[in-house]
N, C-alpha and C. Protein backbone atom coordinates (compact mmCIF):
# COMPACT_ATOMS: atom_id res chain seq x y z
N MET A 1 -56.89 18.76 62.31
CA MET A 1 -56.56 17.25 62.23
C MET A 1 -55.98 16.92 63.53
N LYS A 2 -56.31 15.78 64.07
CA LYS A 2 -55.97 15.31 65.32
C LYS A 2 -54.58 14.67 65.20
N ARG A 3 -53.88 14.73 66.26
CA ARG A 3 -52.40 14.29 66.39
C ARG A 3 -52.26 12.86 65.85
N ARG A 4 -53.24 12.01 66.20
CA ARG A 4 -53.04 10.61 65.86
C ARG A 4 -53.35 10.44 64.36
N THR A 5 -54.14 11.10 63.70
CA THR A 5 -54.42 11.15 62.27
C THR A 5 -53.11 11.52 61.61
N LEU A 6 -52.48 12.74 61.93
CA LEU A 6 -51.30 13.23 61.47
C LEU A 6 -50.20 12.08 61.55
N ILE A 7 -49.89 11.61 62.57
CA ILE A 7 -48.94 10.65 62.72
C ILE A 7 -49.26 9.41 61.85
N ALA A 8 -50.44 8.97 61.77
CA ALA A 8 -50.72 7.86 60.95
C ALA A 8 -50.47 8.20 59.53
N THR A 9 -50.89 9.46 59.11
CA THR A 9 -50.67 9.79 57.81
C THR A 9 -49.28 9.83 57.39
N VAL A 10 -48.51 10.42 58.14
CA VAL A 10 -47.01 10.64 58.05
C VAL A 10 -46.25 9.21 58.02
N GLY A 11 -46.65 8.49 58.97
CA GLY A 11 -46.14 7.25 59.04
C GLY A 11 -46.50 6.30 57.87
N GLY A 12 -47.72 6.36 57.43
CA GLY A 12 -48.21 5.62 56.26
C GLY A 12 -47.35 6.12 55.03
N THR A 13 -47.15 7.36 54.85
CA THR A 13 -46.46 7.87 53.69
C THR A 13 -45.09 7.37 53.73
N LEU A 14 -44.31 7.43 54.92
CA LEU A 14 -42.93 7.09 55.07
C LEU A 14 -42.79 5.64 54.80
N GLY A 15 -43.79 4.75 55.40
CA GLY A 15 -43.87 3.36 55.00
C GLY A 15 -43.85 2.97 53.69
N GLY A 16 -44.75 3.69 53.04
CA GLY A 16 -44.96 3.50 51.56
C GLY A 16 -43.55 3.86 50.80
N ALA A 17 -42.86 4.96 51.12
CA ALA A 17 -41.66 5.19 50.63
C ALA A 17 -40.66 4.25 50.93
N GLY A 18 -40.76 3.62 52.12
CA GLY A 18 -39.75 2.55 52.33
C GLY A 18 -39.98 1.32 51.46
N VAL A 19 -41.25 0.90 51.21
CA VAL A 19 -41.48 -0.12 50.27
C VAL A 19 -40.95 0.18 48.94
N VAL A 20 -41.17 1.28 48.38
CA VAL A 20 -40.71 1.64 47.12
C VAL A 20 -39.13 1.48 47.10
N ALA A 21 -38.60 2.23 47.95
CA ALA A 21 -37.19 2.35 48.06
C ALA A 21 -36.36 1.02 48.50
N GLY A 22 -37.10 0.15 49.20
CA GLY A 22 -36.60 -1.10 49.67
C GLY A 22 -37.10 -2.15 48.80
N SER A 23 -37.53 -1.98 47.61
CA SER A 23 -38.10 -3.02 46.78
C SER A 23 -37.00 -3.89 46.13
N GLY A 24 -35.69 -3.45 46.08
CA GLY A 24 -34.68 -4.01 45.34
C GLY A 24 -34.58 -3.70 43.87
N ALA A 25 -35.38 -2.84 43.45
CA ALA A 25 -35.34 -2.41 42.08
C ALA A 25 -34.14 -1.50 41.85
N PHE A 26 -33.37 -1.59 40.78
CA PHE A 26 -32.27 -0.78 40.47
C PHE A 26 -32.06 -0.45 39.03
N SER A 27 -31.30 0.36 38.68
CA SER A 27 -31.15 0.68 37.22
C SER A 27 -29.71 0.44 36.84
N PHE A 28 -28.84 0.41 37.70
CA PHE A 28 -27.30 0.13 37.29
C PHE A 28 -26.62 -0.40 38.45
N VAL A 29 -25.81 -1.45 38.28
CA VAL A 29 -24.90 -1.95 39.19
C VAL A 29 -23.60 -2.34 38.58
N ARG A 30 -22.57 -2.11 39.07
CA ARG A 30 -21.22 -2.70 38.71
C ARG A 30 -20.62 -3.38 39.84
N ALA A 31 -20.33 -4.57 39.87
CA ALA A 31 -19.72 -5.34 40.82
C ALA A 31 -18.58 -6.31 40.33
N ASP A 32 -17.55 -6.09 41.05
CA ASP A 32 -16.40 -6.94 40.90
C ASP A 32 -16.36 -8.27 41.49
N ARG A 33 -16.14 -9.27 40.72
CA ARG A 33 -16.08 -10.71 41.33
C ARG A 33 -14.91 -11.47 40.87
N THR A 34 -14.52 -12.49 41.58
CA THR A 34 -13.54 -13.18 41.20
C THR A 34 -13.98 -14.42 40.39
N VAL A 35 -13.42 -14.76 39.30
CA VAL A 35 -13.75 -15.90 38.49
C VAL A 35 -12.40 -16.83 38.47
N GLU A 36 -12.73 -18.12 38.59
CA GLU A 36 -11.56 -18.94 38.48
C GLU A 36 -11.88 -20.08 37.35
N ALA A 37 -11.16 -20.20 36.36
CA ALA A 37 -11.40 -21.14 35.50
C ALA A 37 -10.07 -21.72 34.96
N GLU A 38 -10.05 -22.98 34.64
CA GLU A 38 -8.80 -23.71 34.13
C GLU A 38 -9.17 -23.89 32.63
N VAL A 39 -8.19 -23.42 31.79
CA VAL A 39 -8.27 -23.70 30.31
C VAL A 39 -7.43 -24.92 30.15
N VAL A 40 -8.20 -25.94 29.47
CA VAL A 40 -7.53 -27.20 29.17
C VAL A 40 -7.66 -27.59 27.71
N VAL A 41 -6.97 -28.65 27.30
CA VAL A 41 -6.95 -29.09 25.86
C VAL A 41 -8.27 -29.82 25.73
N ASP A 42 -8.74 -29.84 24.42
CA ASP A 42 -10.01 -30.40 23.98
C ASP A 42 -10.38 -31.71 24.71
N LYS A 43 -9.41 -32.58 24.80
CA LYS A 43 -9.74 -34.00 25.46
C LYS A 43 -9.98 -33.94 26.91
N GLU A 44 -9.77 -32.86 27.58
CA GLU A 44 -10.06 -32.75 29.01
C GLU A 44 -11.25 -31.69 29.20
N ALA A 45 -11.67 -31.05 28.31
CA ALA A 45 -12.81 -30.05 28.43
C ALA A 45 -14.14 -30.66 28.84
N TYR A 46 -14.91 -29.74 29.41
CA TYR A 46 -16.34 -30.22 29.63
C TYR A 46 -17.09 -30.91 28.39
N LEU A 47 -16.71 -30.27 27.22
CA LEU A 47 -17.26 -30.93 26.00
C LEU A 47 -15.88 -31.49 25.35
N ARG A 48 -15.67 -32.78 25.45
CA ARG A 48 -14.43 -33.37 25.05
C ARG A 48 -14.55 -33.63 23.43
N LEU A 49 -13.60 -33.23 22.68
CA LEU A 49 -13.59 -33.47 21.23
C LEU A 49 -12.54 -34.46 20.90
N MET A 50 -12.86 -35.49 20.35
CA MET A 50 -11.95 -36.69 20.14
C MET A 50 -11.79 -36.99 18.65
N PRO A 51 -10.65 -37.19 18.06
CA PRO A 51 -10.60 -37.68 16.74
C PRO A 51 -10.98 -39.10 16.50
N ARG A 52 -11.64 -39.60 15.51
CA ARG A 52 -12.02 -41.00 15.42
C ARG A 52 -11.36 -41.56 14.18
N ASP A 53 -10.92 -40.61 13.28
CA ASP A 53 -10.11 -41.24 12.00
C ASP A 53 -8.84 -40.52 12.05
N SER A 54 -7.67 -41.17 12.25
CA SER A 54 -6.49 -40.52 12.65
C SER A 54 -5.87 -40.12 11.15
N ASN A 55 -6.53 -40.51 10.05
CA ASN A 55 -5.88 -40.07 8.78
C ASN A 55 -6.35 -38.58 8.48
N TYR A 56 -7.42 -38.10 9.04
CA TYR A 56 -7.82 -36.74 8.53
C TYR A 56 -7.95 -35.85 9.93
N VAL A 57 -7.98 -36.42 11.16
CA VAL A 57 -8.19 -35.55 12.28
C VAL A 57 -7.16 -36.01 13.35
N SER A 58 -6.51 -34.98 14.03
CA SER A 58 -5.62 -35.14 14.97
C SER A 58 -5.73 -33.97 16.09
N HIS A 59 -5.08 -34.05 17.14
CA HIS A 59 -4.90 -33.00 18.06
C HIS A 59 -3.62 -32.19 17.65
N SER A 60 -3.76 -30.92 17.58
CA SER A 60 -2.67 -30.04 17.19
C SER A 60 -1.79 -29.89 18.27
N THR A 61 -0.74 -29.07 18.13
CA THR A 61 0.24 -28.87 19.28
C THR A 61 -0.42 -28.16 20.49
N ASN A 62 -1.38 -27.35 20.29
CA ASN A 62 -2.11 -26.69 21.32
C ASN A 62 -3.17 -27.42 21.86
N GLY A 63 -3.38 -28.60 21.49
CA GLY A 63 -4.57 -29.45 22.09
C GLY A 63 -5.70 -29.30 21.35
N ARG A 64 -5.84 -28.61 20.50
CA ARG A 64 -7.22 -28.39 19.70
C ARG A 64 -7.39 -29.55 18.58
N LEU A 65 -8.60 -29.90 18.20
CA LEU A 65 -8.82 -30.80 17.10
C LEU A 65 -8.39 -30.08 15.81
N LYS A 66 -7.69 -30.84 14.98
CA LYS A 66 -7.26 -30.17 13.78
C LYS A 66 -7.67 -31.28 12.63
N PHE A 67 -8.27 -30.64 11.48
CA PHE A 67 -8.63 -31.39 10.32
C PHE A 67 -7.62 -31.30 9.22
N ASP A 68 -7.30 -32.30 8.57
CA ASP A 68 -6.42 -32.00 7.35
C ASP A 68 -6.67 -32.99 6.26
N PHE A 69 -7.12 -32.32 5.10
CA PHE A 69 -7.57 -33.26 4.03
C PHE A 69 -6.68 -33.25 2.95
N ASP A 70 -5.49 -32.77 3.13
CA ASP A 70 -4.59 -32.64 1.91
C ASP A 70 -3.11 -33.31 2.14
N ASP A 71 -3.28 -34.29 2.92
CA ASP A 71 -1.94 -35.13 3.30
C ASP A 71 -1.97 -36.44 2.19
N VAL A 72 -0.78 -36.87 2.02
CA VAL A 72 -0.52 -38.17 1.27
C VAL A 72 -0.48 -39.17 2.37
N PHE A 73 -1.17 -40.28 2.24
CA PHE A 73 -1.21 -41.26 3.47
C PHE A 73 -0.44 -42.54 3.03
N SER A 74 0.39 -42.45 1.94
CA SER A 74 1.09 -43.69 1.62
C SER A 74 2.60 -43.31 1.33
N GLU A 75 3.44 -44.10 1.98
CA GLU A 75 4.82 -43.80 1.68
C GLU A 75 5.13 -44.03 0.11
N ALA A 76 4.37 -44.80 -0.60
CA ALA A 76 4.59 -44.99 -2.03
C ALA A 76 4.12 -43.96 -2.75
N GLY A 77 3.19 -43.04 -2.16
CA GLY A 77 2.62 -41.85 -2.93
C GLY A 77 1.52 -42.31 -3.86
N ASP A 78 0.88 -43.43 -3.64
CA ASP A 78 -0.02 -43.83 -4.65
C ASP A 78 -1.51 -43.61 -4.23
N PHE A 79 -1.74 -42.67 -3.20
CA PHE A 79 -3.00 -42.19 -2.75
C PHE A 79 -3.17 -40.75 -3.15
N GLY A 80 -4.44 -40.27 -2.96
CA GLY A 80 -4.78 -38.84 -3.27
C GLY A 80 -4.23 -38.02 -2.37
N GLU A 81 -4.00 -36.75 -2.81
CA GLU A 81 -3.44 -35.67 -2.12
C GLU A 81 -4.40 -34.59 -1.64
N GLY A 82 -5.78 -34.80 -1.90
CA GLY A 82 -6.74 -33.70 -1.63
C GLY A 82 -8.00 -34.11 -2.16
N VAL A 83 -9.07 -33.13 -1.99
CA VAL A 83 -10.29 -33.32 -2.59
C VAL A 83 -10.30 -32.82 -3.99
N GLY A 84 -11.18 -33.39 -4.90
CA GLY A 84 -11.30 -32.99 -6.24
C GLY A 84 -12.11 -31.71 -6.50
N SER A 85 -11.98 -31.24 -7.61
CA SER A 85 -12.83 -29.95 -7.88
C SER A 85 -14.18 -30.48 -8.27
N ASP A 86 -15.18 -29.49 -8.19
CA ASP A 86 -16.57 -29.65 -8.60
C ASP A 86 -17.21 -31.09 -8.07
N SER A 87 -16.86 -31.42 -6.76
CA SER A 87 -17.22 -32.61 -6.15
C SER A 87 -17.75 -32.38 -4.75
N VAL A 88 -18.53 -33.29 -4.21
CA VAL A 88 -19.05 -33.35 -2.91
C VAL A 88 -18.44 -34.64 -2.23
N TYR A 89 -17.58 -34.38 -1.11
CA TYR A 89 -16.96 -35.45 -0.42
C TYR A 89 -17.61 -35.59 0.89
N THR A 90 -17.98 -36.66 1.36
CA THR A 90 -18.42 -36.82 2.81
C THR A 90 -17.33 -37.90 3.63
N PHE A 91 -16.87 -37.24 4.57
CA PHE A 91 -15.90 -38.22 5.46
C PHE A 91 -16.52 -38.57 6.68
N ASP A 92 -17.05 -39.79 6.79
CA ASP A 92 -17.89 -40.26 7.73
C ASP A 92 -17.00 -40.65 9.10
N ASP A 93 -17.78 -40.29 10.20
CA ASP A 93 -17.25 -40.73 11.54
C ASP A 93 -15.95 -40.22 11.78
N LEU A 94 -15.67 -38.90 11.53
CA LEU A 94 -14.38 -38.43 11.67
C LEU A 94 -13.95 -38.07 13.14
N PHE A 95 -14.94 -37.48 13.80
CA PHE A 95 -14.61 -37.01 15.28
C PHE A 95 -15.94 -37.17 16.19
N SER A 96 -15.61 -36.97 17.36
CA SER A 96 -16.79 -37.17 18.33
C SER A 96 -16.72 -36.13 19.40
N ALA A 97 -17.82 -35.92 20.03
CA ALA A 97 -17.89 -35.03 21.21
C ALA A 97 -18.56 -35.67 22.50
N ARG A 98 -17.89 -35.64 23.49
CA ARG A 98 -18.44 -36.30 24.75
C ARG A 98 -18.72 -35.36 25.74
N ASN A 99 -20.02 -35.31 26.12
CA ASN A 99 -20.42 -34.40 27.16
C ASN A 99 -20.00 -34.72 28.52
N GLN A 100 -18.86 -33.94 28.91
CA GLN A 100 -18.24 -34.27 30.27
C GLN A 100 -18.66 -33.21 31.33
N GLY A 101 -19.83 -32.56 30.91
CA GLY A 101 -20.47 -31.61 31.83
C GLY A 101 -21.60 -32.27 32.64
N THR A 102 -22.43 -31.46 33.29
CA THR A 102 -23.38 -31.97 34.18
C THR A 102 -24.89 -31.92 33.50
N ARG A 103 -25.02 -31.23 32.42
CA ARG A 103 -26.37 -31.00 31.91
C ARG A 103 -26.50 -31.53 30.40
N ASP A 104 -27.71 -31.90 29.92
CA ASP A 104 -27.87 -32.16 28.68
C ASP A 104 -27.66 -31.05 27.79
N VAL A 105 -26.97 -31.24 26.54
CA VAL A 105 -26.70 -30.16 25.52
C VAL A 105 -27.11 -30.60 24.20
N SER A 106 -27.35 -29.71 23.20
CA SER A 106 -27.43 -29.99 21.85
C SER A 106 -26.21 -29.20 21.18
N LEU A 107 -25.78 -29.63 20.25
CA LEU A 107 -24.58 -29.03 19.50
C LEU A 107 -24.91 -28.55 17.94
N TYR A 108 -24.23 -27.52 17.54
CA TYR A 108 -24.36 -27.06 16.25
C TYR A 108 -23.06 -26.39 15.90
N PHE A 109 -22.94 -26.04 14.70
CA PHE A 109 -21.59 -25.54 14.27
C PHE A 109 -21.83 -24.13 13.40
N GLU A 110 -20.94 -23.27 13.64
CA GLU A 110 -21.06 -22.04 12.92
C GLU A 110 -19.99 -21.93 11.86
N TYR A 111 -20.25 -21.69 10.65
CA TYR A 111 -19.24 -21.88 9.61
C TYR A 111 -18.87 -20.51 9.15
N ASP A 112 -17.57 -20.40 8.52
CA ASP A 112 -16.90 -19.35 7.88
C ASP A 112 -17.53 -18.94 6.48
N ASP A 113 -18.41 -17.86 6.55
CA ASP A 113 -19.17 -17.60 5.21
C ASP A 113 -18.24 -17.23 4.14
N ASP A 114 -17.06 -16.87 4.48
CA ASP A 114 -15.95 -16.53 3.44
C ASP A 114 -15.19 -17.53 2.99
N ALA A 115 -15.36 -18.75 3.37
CA ALA A 115 -14.62 -20.04 3.00
C ALA A 115 -14.92 -20.17 1.51
N VAL A 116 -13.79 -20.55 0.90
CA VAL A 116 -13.99 -20.92 -0.56
C VAL A 116 -14.72 -22.21 -0.88
N ALA A 117 -14.37 -23.31 -0.13
CA ALA A 117 -15.15 -24.42 -0.23
C ALA A 117 -16.23 -24.45 0.70
N ASP A 118 -17.34 -25.17 0.62
CA ASP A 118 -18.47 -25.18 1.37
C ASP A 118 -18.14 -26.39 2.40
N ILE A 119 -18.00 -26.14 3.55
CA ILE A 119 -17.53 -27.17 4.67
C ILE A 119 -18.80 -27.44 5.53
N ARG A 120 -19.18 -28.52 5.82
CA ARG A 120 -20.51 -28.66 6.69
C ARG A 120 -20.15 -29.85 7.64
N VAL A 121 -20.74 -29.84 8.96
CA VAL A 121 -20.53 -31.06 9.77
C VAL A 121 -22.08 -31.55 9.89
N LEU A 122 -22.02 -32.97 9.80
CA LEU A 122 -23.26 -33.76 9.95
C LEU A 122 -23.03 -34.74 11.14
N GLU A 123 -24.33 -35.13 11.72
CA GLU A 123 -24.35 -36.13 12.75
C GLU A 123 -24.03 -37.31 12.05
N TYR A 124 -23.36 -38.21 12.79
CA TYR A 124 -23.06 -39.61 12.25
C TYR A 124 -23.58 -40.64 13.25
N PRO A 125 -24.15 -41.65 12.96
CA PRO A 125 -24.86 -41.80 11.60
C PRO A 125 -25.76 -40.84 11.17
N PRO A 126 -26.05 -40.55 9.79
CA PRO A 126 -26.87 -39.36 9.52
C PRO A 126 -28.32 -39.50 10.04
N SER A 127 -28.87 -38.35 10.25
CA SER A 127 -30.15 -38.18 10.78
C SER A 127 -31.08 -38.44 9.59
N PRO A 128 -32.44 -38.59 9.65
CA PRO A 128 -33.18 -38.85 8.42
C PRO A 128 -33.12 -37.56 7.59
N SER A 129 -32.92 -36.46 8.07
CA SER A 129 -32.86 -35.25 7.16
C SER A 129 -31.57 -35.08 6.58
N ASP A 130 -30.47 -35.57 7.19
CA ASP A 130 -29.17 -35.47 6.77
C ASP A 130 -28.68 -34.01 6.66
N ASP A 131 -29.25 -33.09 7.43
CA ASP A 131 -28.95 -31.69 7.25
C ASP A 131 -27.71 -31.54 7.99
N PRO A 132 -26.87 -30.42 7.58
CA PRO A 132 -25.79 -29.98 8.34
C PRO A 132 -26.21 -29.39 9.75
N LEU A 133 -25.44 -29.55 10.82
CA LEU A 133 -25.73 -29.14 12.07
C LEU A 133 -25.52 -27.54 12.15
N THR A 134 -26.66 -26.81 12.21
CA THR A 134 -26.69 -25.42 12.34
C THR A 134 -27.51 -25.09 13.56
N ALA A 135 -27.65 -23.73 13.80
CA ALA A 135 -28.50 -23.09 14.93
C ALA A 135 -30.00 -23.58 14.59
N ASP A 136 -30.30 -23.66 13.55
CA ASP A 136 -31.71 -23.93 13.20
C ASP A 136 -31.97 -25.48 13.14
N SER A 137 -30.91 -26.28 13.03
CA SER A 137 -30.94 -27.57 12.99
C SER A 137 -29.72 -28.34 13.76
N PRO A 138 -29.86 -28.17 15.18
CA PRO A 138 -28.84 -28.73 16.08
C PRO A 138 -28.82 -30.29 16.17
N SER A 139 -27.84 -30.83 16.81
CA SER A 139 -27.78 -32.18 17.09
C SER A 139 -28.85 -32.76 18.05
N SER A 140 -29.12 -33.92 18.14
CA SER A 140 -29.93 -34.44 19.16
C SER A 140 -29.24 -34.13 20.51
N GLU A 141 -30.05 -34.05 21.60
CA GLU A 141 -29.45 -33.74 22.82
C GLU A 141 -28.54 -34.86 23.30
N ILE A 142 -27.37 -34.57 23.94
CA ILE A 142 -26.54 -35.56 24.51
C ILE A 142 -26.42 -35.25 26.02
N GLY A 143 -26.63 -36.24 26.80
CA GLY A 143 -26.63 -36.00 28.28
C GLY A 143 -25.27 -36.38 28.82
N PRO A 144 -24.96 -35.96 30.09
CA PRO A 144 -23.66 -36.14 30.53
C PRO A 144 -23.13 -37.65 30.47
N GLY A 145 -21.94 -37.61 29.94
CA GLY A 145 -21.22 -38.93 29.60
C GLY A 145 -21.53 -39.50 28.31
N GLU A 146 -22.64 -38.84 27.52
CA GLU A 146 -22.89 -39.45 26.23
C GLU A 146 -21.99 -38.78 25.20
N VAL A 147 -22.03 -39.69 24.01
CA VAL A 147 -21.10 -39.23 22.90
C VAL A 147 -21.87 -39.05 21.72
N VAL A 148 -21.64 -38.22 20.78
CA VAL A 148 -22.30 -38.04 19.47
C VAL A 148 -21.03 -37.98 18.56
N GLN A 149 -21.22 -38.62 17.27
CA GLN A 149 -20.11 -38.64 16.34
C GLN A 149 -20.51 -37.82 15.08
N PHE A 150 -19.55 -37.36 14.41
CA PHE A 150 -19.78 -36.38 13.27
C PHE A 150 -19.09 -36.78 12.10
N SER A 151 -19.63 -36.48 10.91
CA SER A 151 -18.95 -36.49 9.69
C SER A 151 -18.78 -35.18 9.16
N VAL A 152 -17.75 -34.97 8.21
CA VAL A 152 -17.54 -33.70 7.58
C VAL A 152 -17.90 -33.70 6.02
N GLU A 153 -18.63 -32.86 5.46
CA GLU A 153 -18.99 -32.82 4.22
C GLU A 153 -18.15 -31.56 3.44
N ILE A 154 -17.55 -31.78 2.32
CA ILE A 154 -16.79 -30.69 1.70
C ILE A 154 -17.29 -30.73 0.34
N ASP A 155 -17.91 -29.58 -0.02
CA ASP A 155 -18.45 -29.33 -1.40
C ASP A 155 -17.49 -28.36 -2.16
N THR A 156 -16.87 -28.82 -3.20
CA THR A 156 -15.95 -28.04 -3.91
C THR A 156 -16.48 -27.35 -5.25
N THR A 157 -17.81 -27.50 -5.45
CA THR A 157 -18.40 -26.97 -6.72
C THR A 157 -17.93 -25.61 -6.86
N ASP A 158 -17.51 -25.28 -8.06
CA ASP A 158 -17.10 -23.90 -8.34
C ASP A 158 -15.84 -23.41 -7.60
N THR A 159 -15.06 -24.38 -7.03
CA THR A 159 -13.87 -23.88 -6.22
C THR A 159 -12.61 -24.05 -7.06
N PRO A 160 -11.85 -23.04 -7.14
CA PRO A 160 -10.58 -23.19 -7.96
C PRO A 160 -9.71 -24.02 -7.25
N LEU A 161 -8.69 -24.61 -8.03
CA LEU A 161 -7.72 -25.40 -7.39
C LEU A 161 -6.84 -24.71 -6.43
N GLY A 162 -6.34 -25.31 -5.40
CA GLY A 162 -5.54 -24.55 -4.46
C GLY A 162 -5.61 -25.26 -3.02
N THR A 163 -4.83 -24.78 -1.99
CA THR A 163 -4.88 -25.07 -0.75
C THR A 163 -5.69 -24.07 0.07
N TYR A 164 -6.57 -24.49 0.88
CA TYR A 164 -7.55 -23.42 1.60
C TYR A 164 -7.46 -23.82 3.02
N GLU A 165 -7.77 -22.89 3.81
CA GLU A 165 -7.81 -23.06 5.27
C GLU A 165 -9.09 -22.27 5.83
N THR A 166 -9.76 -22.89 6.66
CA THR A 166 -10.90 -22.19 7.30
C THR A 166 -11.19 -22.64 8.72
N SER A 167 -12.06 -22.14 9.35
CA SER A 167 -12.42 -22.53 10.69
C SER A 167 -13.94 -22.86 10.78
N ILE A 168 -14.31 -23.59 11.81
CA ILE A 168 -15.58 -23.88 12.13
C ILE A 168 -15.69 -23.74 13.66
N GLU A 169 -16.82 -23.37 14.10
CA GLU A 169 -17.04 -23.14 15.53
C GLU A 169 -18.09 -24.05 16.09
N LEU A 170 -17.88 -24.79 17.11
CA LEU A 170 -18.85 -25.66 17.58
C LEU A 170 -19.51 -24.91 18.84
N VAL A 171 -20.74 -25.12 18.87
CA VAL A 171 -21.59 -24.36 20.03
C VAL A 171 -22.44 -25.43 20.66
N ALA A 172 -22.49 -25.39 21.96
CA ALA A 172 -23.15 -26.38 22.83
C ALA A 172 -24.17 -25.40 23.54
N ALA A 173 -25.34 -25.90 23.53
CA ALA A 173 -26.49 -25.12 24.34
C ALA A 173 -27.26 -26.02 25.08
N GLU A 174 -27.66 -25.77 26.35
CA GLU A 174 -28.48 -26.61 27.19
C GLU A 174 -29.86 -26.85 26.71
N ASP A 175 -30.61 -25.93 26.36
CA ASP A 175 -32.03 -25.84 25.91
C ASP A 175 -31.99 -25.28 24.47
N THR A 176 -32.24 -26.10 23.48
CA THR A 176 -32.28 -25.50 22.14
C THR A 176 -33.54 -24.45 21.98
N THR A 177 -34.62 -24.65 22.74
CA THR A 177 -35.82 -23.75 22.41
C THR A 177 -35.52 -22.48 23.01
N GLU A 178 -34.76 -22.26 24.00
CA GLU A 178 -34.46 -20.94 24.55
C GLU A 178 -33.11 -20.43 24.33
N SER A 179 -32.05 -21.24 24.29
CA SER A 179 -30.72 -20.80 24.24
C SER A 179 -30.15 -20.59 22.83
N LEU A 180 -30.71 -21.33 21.80
CA LEU A 180 -30.10 -21.07 20.63
C LEU A 180 -30.72 -19.92 19.77
N PRO A 181 -30.01 -19.14 19.08
CA PRO A 181 -30.53 -18.01 18.33
C PRO A 181 -31.57 -18.47 17.23
N THR A 182 -32.56 -17.63 17.08
CA THR A 182 -33.72 -17.75 16.15
C THR A 182 -33.64 -16.73 15.16
N ASP A 183 -34.37 -17.01 14.05
CA ASP A 183 -34.35 -16.00 12.82
C ASP A 183 -35.51 -14.99 13.23
N GLY A 184 -36.47 -15.31 14.08
CA GLY A 184 -37.65 -14.45 14.18
C GLY A 184 -37.80 -13.57 15.33
């Protein structure tokens, strides 16, 4: 073998190894970075939650939106004190969400499956389907600065008398076709 052929062969082999080694492929990385975030109350967040009906919705002491359907709203005491049994109540236009971010988002809610009463959030005014907002059926997209309003539906069918507390979780996703979970 000639010297030039040997050098070309060794050089080509080392060059090919350099391409493989220098391709940027890796199997594990651990990198520490600094993240700075300010936690603010609901009304100052990127997704601002605002009460629209002060009788049932307010901001709690920690700044979070709070729903209360068991108060008496009259000093005379001649108004109701809660929802009735074996009934479905819809409280229209209770709260709204304003997109204070920079991208369009769709919203949906995750519900406590262990809740005694069936509580669901609907877009207000109602959509033609009037379905609760879920991962499979999110709100229409809201752009930066836009507001969407919500109603709350409480179904007490087969619910025993008493006072109950549950939570709902609001989820905002940029692109519903890729970001929201699917069943398939």
